Amino acid sequence: YELAFFHLLMHALFKALLFLCAGILIHGAG
């Protein structure tokens, strides 16, 4: 259980970065 929560937190960090980058790319690609 603790490891699943740890993965949830780590995943949230790099997934937020992925969505931010995706937004910039979508805007920049017309």
ModelCIF file with pLDDT and N, C-alpha, C, O atoms, coordinates in Angstrom:
data_MODEL
#
_entry.id   MODEL 
#
_entity.id                         1 
_entity.type                       polymer 
_entity.pdbx_number_of_molecules   1 
#
_entity_poly.entity_id                      1 
_entity_poly.type                           'polypeptide(L)' 
_entity_poly.nstd_linkage                   no 
_entity_poly.nstd_monomer                   no 
_entity_poly.pdbx_seq_one_letter_code       YELAFFHLLMHALFKALLFLCAGILIHGAG 
_entity_poly.pdbx_seq_one_letter_code_can   YELAFFHLLMHALFKALLFLCAGILIHGAG 
_entity_poly.pdbx_strand_id                 A 
#
loop_
_entity_poly_seq.entity_id 
_entity_poly_seq.num 
_entity_poly_seq.mon_id 
_entity_poly_seq.hetero 
1 1  TYR n 
1 2  GLU n 
1 3  LEU n 
1 4  ALA n 
1 5  PHE n 
1 6  PHE n 
1 7  HIS n 
1 8  LEU n 
1 9  LEU n 
1 10 MET n 
1 11 HIS n 
1 12 ALA n 
1 13 LEU n 
1 14 PHE n 
1 15 LYS n 
1 16 ALA n 
1 17 LEU n 
1 18 LEU n 
1 19 PHE n 
1 20 LEU n 
1 21 CYS n 
1 22 ALA n 
1 23 GLY n 
1 24 ILE n 
1 25 LEU n 
1 26 ILE n 
1 27 HIS n 
1 28 GLY n 
1 29 ALA n 
1 30 GLY n 
#
_struct_asym.id          A 
_struct_asym.entity_id   1 
#
loop_
_ma_qa_metric.id 
_ma_qa_metric.mode 
_ma_qa_metric.name 
_ma_qa_metric.software_group_id 
_ma_qa_metric.type 
1 global pLDDT . pLDDT 
2 local  pLDDT . pLDDT 
#
_ma_qa_metric_global.metric_id      1 
_ma_qa_metric_global.metric_value   92.87 
_ma_qa_metric_global.model_id       1 
_ma_qa_metric_global.ordinal_id     1 
#
loop_
_ma_qa_metric_local.label_asym_id 
_ma_qa_metric_local.label_comp_id 
_ma_qa_metric_local.label_seq_id 
_ma_qa_metric_local.metric_id 
_ma_qa_metric_local.metric_value 
_ma_qa_metric_local.model_id 
_ma_qa_metric_local.ordinal_id 
A TYR 1  2 95.00 1 1  
A GLU 2  2 95.00 1 2  
A LEU 3  2 94.00 1 3  
A ALA 4  2 95.00 1 4  
A PHE 5  2 96.00 1 5  
A PHE 6  2 95.00 1 6  
A HIS 7  2 95.00 1 7  
A LEU 8  2 95.00 1 8  
A LEU 9  2 95.00 1 9  
A MET 10 2 93.00 1 10 
A HIS 11 2 93.00 1 11 
A ALA 12 2 94.00 1 12 
A LEU 13 2 92.00 1 13 
A PHE 14 2 91.00 1 14 
A LYS 15 2 93.00 1 15 
A ALA 16 2 95.00 1 16 
A LEU 17 2 95.00 1 17 
A LEU 18 2 94.00 1 18 
A PHE 19 2 94.00 1 19 
A LEU 20 2 95.00 1 20 
A CYS 21 2 94.00 1 21 
A ALA 22 2 94.00 1 22 
A GLY 23 2 94.00 1 23 
A ILE 24 2 93.00 1 24 
A LEU 25 2 90.00 1 25 
A ILE 26 2 91.00 1 26 
A HIS 27 2 91.00 1 27 
A GLY 28 2 85.00 1 28 
A ALA 29 2 84.00 1 29 
A GLY 30 2 86.00 1 30 
#
loop_
_atom_site.group_PDB 
_atom_site.id 
_atom_site.type_symbol 
_atom_site.label_atom_id 
_atom_site.label_alt_id 
_atom_site.label_comp_id 
_atom_site.label_asym_id 
_atom_site.label_entity_id 
_atom_site.label_seq_id 
_atom_site.pdbx_PDB_ins_code 
_atom_site.Cartn_x 
_atom_site.Cartn_y 
_atom_site.Cartn_z 
_atom_site.occupancy 
_atom_site.B_iso_or_equiv 
_atom_site.pdbx_formal_charge 
_atom_site.auth_seq_id 
_atom_site.auth_comp_id 
_atom_site.auth_asym_id 
_atom_site.auth_atom_id 
_atom_site.pdbx_PDB_model_num 
ATOM 1   N N  . TYR A 1 1  ? 0.810  -1.214 0.000   1.00 95.00 ? 1  TYR A N  1 
ATOM 2   C CA . TYR A 1 1  ? 0.000  0.000  0.000   1.00 95.00 ? 1  TYR A CA 1 
ATOM 3   C C  . TYR A 1 1  ? 0.848  1.270  0.000   1.00 95.00 ? 1  TYR A C  1 
ATOM 4   O O  . TYR A 1 1  ? 0.566  2.202  -0.754  1.00 95.00 ? 1  TYR A O  1 
ATOM 5   N N  . GLU A 1 2  ? 1.870  1.314  0.829   1.00 95.00 ? 2  GLU A N  1 
ATOM 6   C CA . GLU A 1 2  ? 2.717  2.503  0.910   1.00 95.00 ? 2  GLU A CA 1 
ATOM 7   C C  . GLU A 1 2  ? 3.465  2.723  -0.396  1.00 95.00 ? 2  GLU A C  1 
ATOM 8   O O  . GLU A 1 2  ? 3.664  3.862  -0.819  1.00 95.00 ? 2  GLU A O  1 
ATOM 9   N N  . LEU A 1 3  ? 3.873  1.653  -1.022  1.00 94.00 ? 3  LEU A N  1 
ATOM 10  C CA . LEU A 1 3  ? 4.585  1.742  -2.288  1.00 94.00 ? 3  LEU A CA 1 
ATOM 11  C C  . LEU A 1 3  ? 3.667  2.237  -3.407  1.00 94.00 ? 3  LEU A C  1 
ATOM 12  O O  . LEU A 1 3  ? 4.099  2.980  -4.288  1.00 94.00 ? 3  LEU A O  1 
ATOM 13  N N  . ALA A 1 4  ? 2.410  1.824  -3.369  1.00 95.00 ? 4  ALA A N  1 
ATOM 14  C CA . ALA A 1 4  ? 1.437  2.319  -4.348  1.00 95.00 ? 4  ALA A CA 1 
ATOM 15  C C  . ALA A 1 4  ? 1.235  3.823  -4.173  1.00 95.00 ? 4  ALA A C  1 
ATOM 16  O O  . ALA A 1 4  ? 1.135  4.555  -5.158  1.00 95.00 ? 4  ALA A O  1 
ATOM 17  N N  . PHE A 1 5  ? 1.177  4.279  -2.939  1.00 96.00 ? 5  PHE A N  1 
ATOM 18  C CA . PHE A 1 5  ? 1.022  5.715  -2.685  1.00 96.00 ? 5  PHE A CA 1 
ATOM 19  C C  . PHE A 1 5  ? 2.266  6.482  -3.116  1.00 96.00 ? 5  PHE A C  1 
ATOM 20  O O  . PHE A 1 5  ? 2.161  7.577  -3.667  1.00 96.00 ? 5  PHE A O  1 
ATOM 21  N N  . PHE A 1 6  ? 3.439  5.913  -2.867  1.00 95.00 ? 6  PHE A N  1 
ATOM 22  C CA . PHE A 1 6  ? 4.691  6.531  -3.299  1.00 95.00 ? 6  PHE A CA 1 
ATOM 23  C C  . PHE A 1 6  ? 4.729  6.645  -4.821  1.00 95.00 ? 6  PHE A C  1 
ATOM 24  O O  . PHE A 1 6  ? 5.161  7.667  -5.354  1.00 95.00 ? 6  PHE A O  1 
ATOM 25  N N  . HIS A 1 7  ? 4.281  5.604  -5.522  1.00 95.00 ? 7  HIS A N  1 
ATOM 26  C CA . HIS A 1 7  ? 4.240  5.650  -6.982  1.00 95.00 ? 7  HIS A CA 1 
ATOM 27  C C  . HIS A 1 7  ? 3.220  6.682  -7.463  1.00 95.00 ? 7  HIS A C  1 
ATOM 28  O O  . HIS A 1 7  ? 3.438  7.345  -8.477  1.00 95.00 ? 7  HIS A O  1 
ATOM 29  N N  . LEU A 1 8  ? 2.121  6.816  -6.746  1.00 95.00 ? 8  LEU A N  1 
ATOM 30  C CA . LEU A 1 8  ? 1.125  7.831  -7.074  1.00 95.00 ? 8  LEU A CA 1 
ATOM 31  C C  . LEU A 1 8  ? 1.735  9.227  -7.009  1.00 95.00 ? 8  LEU A C  1 
ATOM 32  O O  . LEU A 1 8  ? 1.522  10.042 -7.908  1.00 95.00 ? 8  LEU A O  1 
ATOM 33  N N  . LEU A 1 9  ? 2.487  9.503  -5.958  1.00 95.00 ? 9  LEU A N  1 
ATOM 34  C CA . LEU A 1 9  ? 3.114  10.822 -5.806  1.00 95.00 ? 9  LEU A CA 1 
ATOM 35  C C  . LEU A 1 9  ? 4.171  11.074 -6.877  1.00 95.00 ? 9  LEU A C  1 
ATOM 36  O O  . LEU A 1 9  ? 4.206  12.151 -7.472  1.00 95.00 ? 9  LEU A O  1 
ATOM 37  N N  . MET A 1 10 ? 5.024  10.098 -7.123  1.00 93.00 ? 10 MET A N  1 
ATOM 38  C CA . MET A 1 10 ? 6.065  10.252 -8.142  1.00 93.00 ? 10 MET A CA 1 
ATOM 39  C C  . MET A 1 10 ? 5.441  10.422 -9.525  1.00 93.00 ? 10 MET A C  1 
ATOM 40  O O  . MET A 1 10 ? 5.877  11.252 -10.323 1.00 93.00 ? 10 MET A O  1 
ATOM 41  N N  . HIS A 1 11 ? 4.412  9.617  -9.790  1.00 93.00 ? 11 HIS A N  1 
ATOM 42  C CA . HIS A 1 11 ? 3.737  9.694  -11.081 1.00 93.00 ? 11 HIS A CA 1 
ATOM 43  C C  . HIS A 1 11 ? 3.081  11.055 -11.267 1.00 93.00 ? 11 HIS A C  1 
ATOM 44  O O  . HIS A 1 11 ? 3.104  11.605 -12.368 1.00 93.00 ? 11 HIS A O  1 
ATOM 45  N N  . ALA A 1 12 ? 2.507  11.597 -10.225 1.00 94.00 ? 12 ALA A N  1 
ATOM 46  C CA . ALA A 1 12 ? 1.862  12.911 -10.321 1.00 94.00 ? 12 ALA A CA 1 
ATOM 47  C C  . ALA A 1 12 ? 2.873  13.993 -10.702 1.00 94.00 ? 12 ALA A C  1 
ATOM 48  O O  . ALA A 1 12 ? 2.545  14.919 -11.443 1.00 94.00 ? 12 ALA A O  1 
ATOM 49  N N  . LEU A 1 13 ? 4.089  13.875 -10.198 1.00 92.00 ? 13 LEU A N  1 
ATOM 50  C CA . LEU A 1 13 ? 5.101  14.884 -10.504 1.00 92.00 ? 13 LEU A CA 1 
ATOM 51  C C  . LEU A 1 13 ? 5.484  14.880 -11.979 1.00 92.00 ? 13 LEU A C  1 
ATOM 52  O O  . LEU A 1 13 ? 5.432  15.923 -12.632 1.00 92.00 ? 13 LEU A O  1 
ATOM 53  N N  . PHE A 1 14 ? 5.867  13.726 -12.511 1.00 91.00 ? 14 PHE A N  1 
ATOM 54  C CA . PHE A 1 14 ? 6.301  13.754 -13.905 1.00 91.00 ? 14 PHE A CA 1 
ATOM 55  C C  . PHE A 1 14 ? 5.137  13.782 -14.876 1.00 91.00 ? 14 PHE A C  1 
ATOM 56  O O  . PHE A 1 14 ? 5.317  14.192 -16.023 1.00 91.00 ? 14 PHE A O  1 
ATOM 57  N N  . LYS A 1 15 ? 3.950  13.364 -14.462 1.00 93.00 ? 15 LYS A N  1 
ATOM 58  C CA . LYS A 1 15 ? 2.793  13.461 -15.355 1.00 93.00 ? 15 LYS A CA 1 
ATOM 59  C C  . LYS A 1 15 ? 2.343  14.907 -15.496 1.00 93.00 ? 15 LYS A C  1 
ATOM 60  O O  . LYS A 1 15 ? 1.904  15.312 -16.572 1.00 93.00 ? 15 LYS A O  1 
ATOM 61  N N  . ALA A 1 16 ? 2.444  15.690 -14.433 1.00 95.00 ? 16 ALA A N  1 
ATOM 62  C CA . ALA A 1 16 ? 2.126  17.111 -14.523 1.00 95.00 ? 16 ALA A CA 1 
ATOM 63  C C  . ALA A 1 16 ? 3.079  17.798 -15.506 1.00 95.00 ? 16 ALA A C  1 
ATOM 64  O O  . ALA A 1 16 ? 2.657  18.638 -16.301 1.00 95.00 ? 16 ALA A O  1 
ATOM 65  N N  . LEU A 1 17 ? 4.350  17.443 -15.448 1.00 95.00 ? 17 LEU A N  1 
ATOM 66  C CA . LEU A 1 17 ? 5.320  17.993 -16.389 1.00 95.00 ? 17 LEU A CA 1 
ATOM 67  C C  . LEU A 1 17 ? 4.981  17.592 -17.826 1.00 95.00 ? 17 LEU A C  1 
ATOM 68  O O  . LEU A 1 17 ? 5.103  18.405 -18.742 1.00 95.00 ? 17 LEU A O  1 
ATOM 69  N N  . LEU A 1 18 ? 4.558  16.347 -18.022 1.00 94.00 ? 18 LEU A N  1 
ATOM 70  C CA . LEU A 1 18 ? 4.176  15.897 -19.365 1.00 94.00 ? 18 LEU A CA 1 
ATOM 71  C C  . LEU A 1 18 ? 2.985  16.704 -19.905 1.00 94.00 ? 18 LEU A C  1 
ATOM 72  O O  . LEU A 1 18 ? 2.989  17.103 -21.069 1.00 94.00 ? 18 LEU A O  1 
ATOM 73  N N  . PHE A 1 19 ? 1.985  16.940 -19.080 1.00 94.00 ? 19 PHE A N  1 
ATOM 74  C CA . PHE A 1 19 ? 0.824  17.695 -19.545 1.00 94.00 ? 19 PHE A CA 1 
ATOM 75  C C  . PHE A 1 19 ? 1.162  19.165 -19.798 1.00 94.00 ? 19 PHE A C  1 
ATOM 76  O O  . PHE A 1 19 ? 0.619  19.770 -20.722 1.00 94.00 ? 19 PHE A O  1 
ATOM 77  N N  . LEU A 1 20 ? 2.044  19.740 -18.995 1.00 95.00 ? 20 LEU A N  1 
ATOM 78  C CA . LEU A 1 20 ? 2.470  21.119 -19.243 1.00 95.00 ? 20 LEU A CA 1 
ATOM 79  C C  . LEU A 1 20 ? 3.214  21.221 -20.578 1.00 95.00 ? 20 LEU A C  1 
ATOM 80  O O  . LEU A 1 20 ? 2.974  22.138 -21.363 1.00 95.00 ? 20 LEU A O  1 
ATOM 81  N N  . CYS A 1 21 ? 4.103  20.284 -20.819 1.00 94.00 ? 21 CYS A N  1 
ATOM 82  C CA . CYS A 1 21 ? 4.837  20.263 -22.084 1.00 94.00 ? 21 CYS A CA 1 
ATOM 83  C C  . CYS A 1 21 ? 3.896  20.025 -23.257 1.00 94.00 ? 21 CYS A C  1 
ATOM 84  O O  . CYS A 1 21 ? 4.055  20.632 -24.316 1.00 94.00 ? 21 CYS A O  1 
ATOM 85  N N  . ALA A 1 22 ? 2.918  19.147 -23.071 1.00 94.00 ? 22 ALA A N  1 
ATOM 86  C CA . ALA A 1 22 ? 1.947  18.875 -24.129 1.00 94.00 ? 22 ALA A CA 1 
ATOM 87  C C  . ALA A 1 22 ? 1.164  20.132 -24.480 1.00 94.00 ? 22 ALA A C  1 
ATOM 88  O O  . ALA A 1 22 ? 0.901  20.392 -25.654 1.00 94.00 ? 22 ALA A O  1 
ATOM 89  N N  . GLY A 1 23 ? 0.795  20.903 -23.485 1.00 94.00 ? 23 GLY A N  1 
ATOM 90  C CA . GLY A 1 23 ? 0.068  22.150 -23.735 1.00 94.00 ? 23 GLY A CA 1 
ATOM 91  C C  . GLY A 1 23 ? 0.895  23.134 -24.549 1.00 94.00 ? 23 GLY A C  1 
ATOM 92  O O  . GLY A 1 23 ? 0.375  23.783 -25.457 1.00 94.00 ? 23 GLY A O  1 
ATOM 93  N N  . ILE A 1 24 ? 2.164  23.245 -24.232 1.00 93.00 ? 24 ILE A N  1 
ATOM 94  C CA . ILE A 1 24 ? 3.048  24.138 -24.990 1.00 93.00 ? 24 ILE A CA 1 
ATOM 95  C C  . ILE A 1 24 ? 3.196  23.646 -26.428 1.00 93.00 ? 24 ILE A C  1 
ATOM 96  O O  . ILE A 1 24 ? 3.165  24.440 -27.368 1.00 93.00 ? 24 ILE A O  1 
ATOM 97  N N  . LEU A 1 25 ? 3.355  22.334 -26.594 1.00 90.00 ? 25 LEU A N  1 
ATOM 98  C CA . LEU A 1 25 ? 3.511  21.777 -27.939 1.00 90.00 ? 25 LEU A CA 1 
ATOM 99  C C  . LEU A 1 25 ? 2.252  21.955 -28.774 1.00 90.00 ? 25 LEU A C  1 
ATOM 100 O O  . LEU A 1 25 ? 2.328  22.296 -29.955 1.00 90.00 ? 25 LEU A O  1 
ATOM 101 N N  . ILE A 1 26 ? 1.102  21.726 -28.168 1.00 91.00 ? 26 ILE A N  1 
ATOM 102 C CA . ILE A 1 26 ? -0.164 21.892 -28.887 1.00 91.00 ? 26 ILE A CA 1 
ATOM 103 C C  . ILE A 1 26 ? -0.330 23.346 -29.326 1.00 91.00 ? 26 ILE A C  1 
ATOM 104 O O  . ILE A 1 26 ? -0.726 23.620 -30.459 1.00 91.00 ? 26 ILE A O  1 
ATOM 105 N N  . HIS A 1 27 ? -0.028 24.258 -28.435 1.00 91.00 ? 27 HIS A N  1 
ATOM 106 C CA . HIS A 1 27 ? -0.131 25.688 -28.767 1.00 91.00 ? 27 HIS A CA 1 
ATOM 107 C C  . HIS A 1 27 ? 0.873  26.062 -29.857 1.00 91.00 ? 27 HIS A C  1 
ATOM 108 O O  . HIS A 1 27 ? 0.548  26.794 -30.792 1.00 91.00 ? 27 HIS A O  1 
ATOM 109 N N  . GLY A 1 28 ? 2.088  25.552 -29.721 1.00 85.00 ? 28 GLY A N  1 
ATOM 110 C CA . GLY A 1 28 ? 3.138  25.895 -30.681 1.00 85.00 ? 28 GLY A CA 1 
ATOM 111 C C  . GLY A 1 28 ? 2.978  25.237 -32.034 1.00 85.00 ? 28 GLY A C  1 
ATOM 112 O O  . GLY A 1 28 ? 3.523  25.723 -33.025 1.00 85.00 ? 28 GLY A O  1 
ATOM 113 N N  . ALA A 1 29 ? 2.242  24.139 -32.095 1.00 84.00 ? 29 ALA A N  1 
ATOM 114 C CA . ALA A 1 29 ? 2.058  23.424 -33.359 1.00 84.00 ? 29 ALA A CA 1 
ATOM 115 C C  . ALA A 1 29 ? 0.767  23.828 -34.053 1.00 84.00 ? 29 ALA A C  1 
ATOM 116 O O  . ALA A 1 29 ? 0.266  23.096 -34.907 1.00 84.00 ? 29 ALA A O  1 
ATOM 117 N N  . GLY A 1 30 ? 0.230  24.976 -33.696 1.00 86.00 ? 30 GLY A N  1 
ATOM 118 C CA . GLY A 1 30 ? -0.975 25.452 -34.377 1.00 86.00 ? 30 GLY A CA 1 
ATOM 119 C C  . GLY A 1 30 ? -2.249 24.843 -33.860 1.00 86.00 ? 30 GLY A C  1 
ATOM 120 O O  . GLY A 1 30 ? -3.331 25.164 -34.352 1.00 86.00 ? 30 GLY A O  1 
#
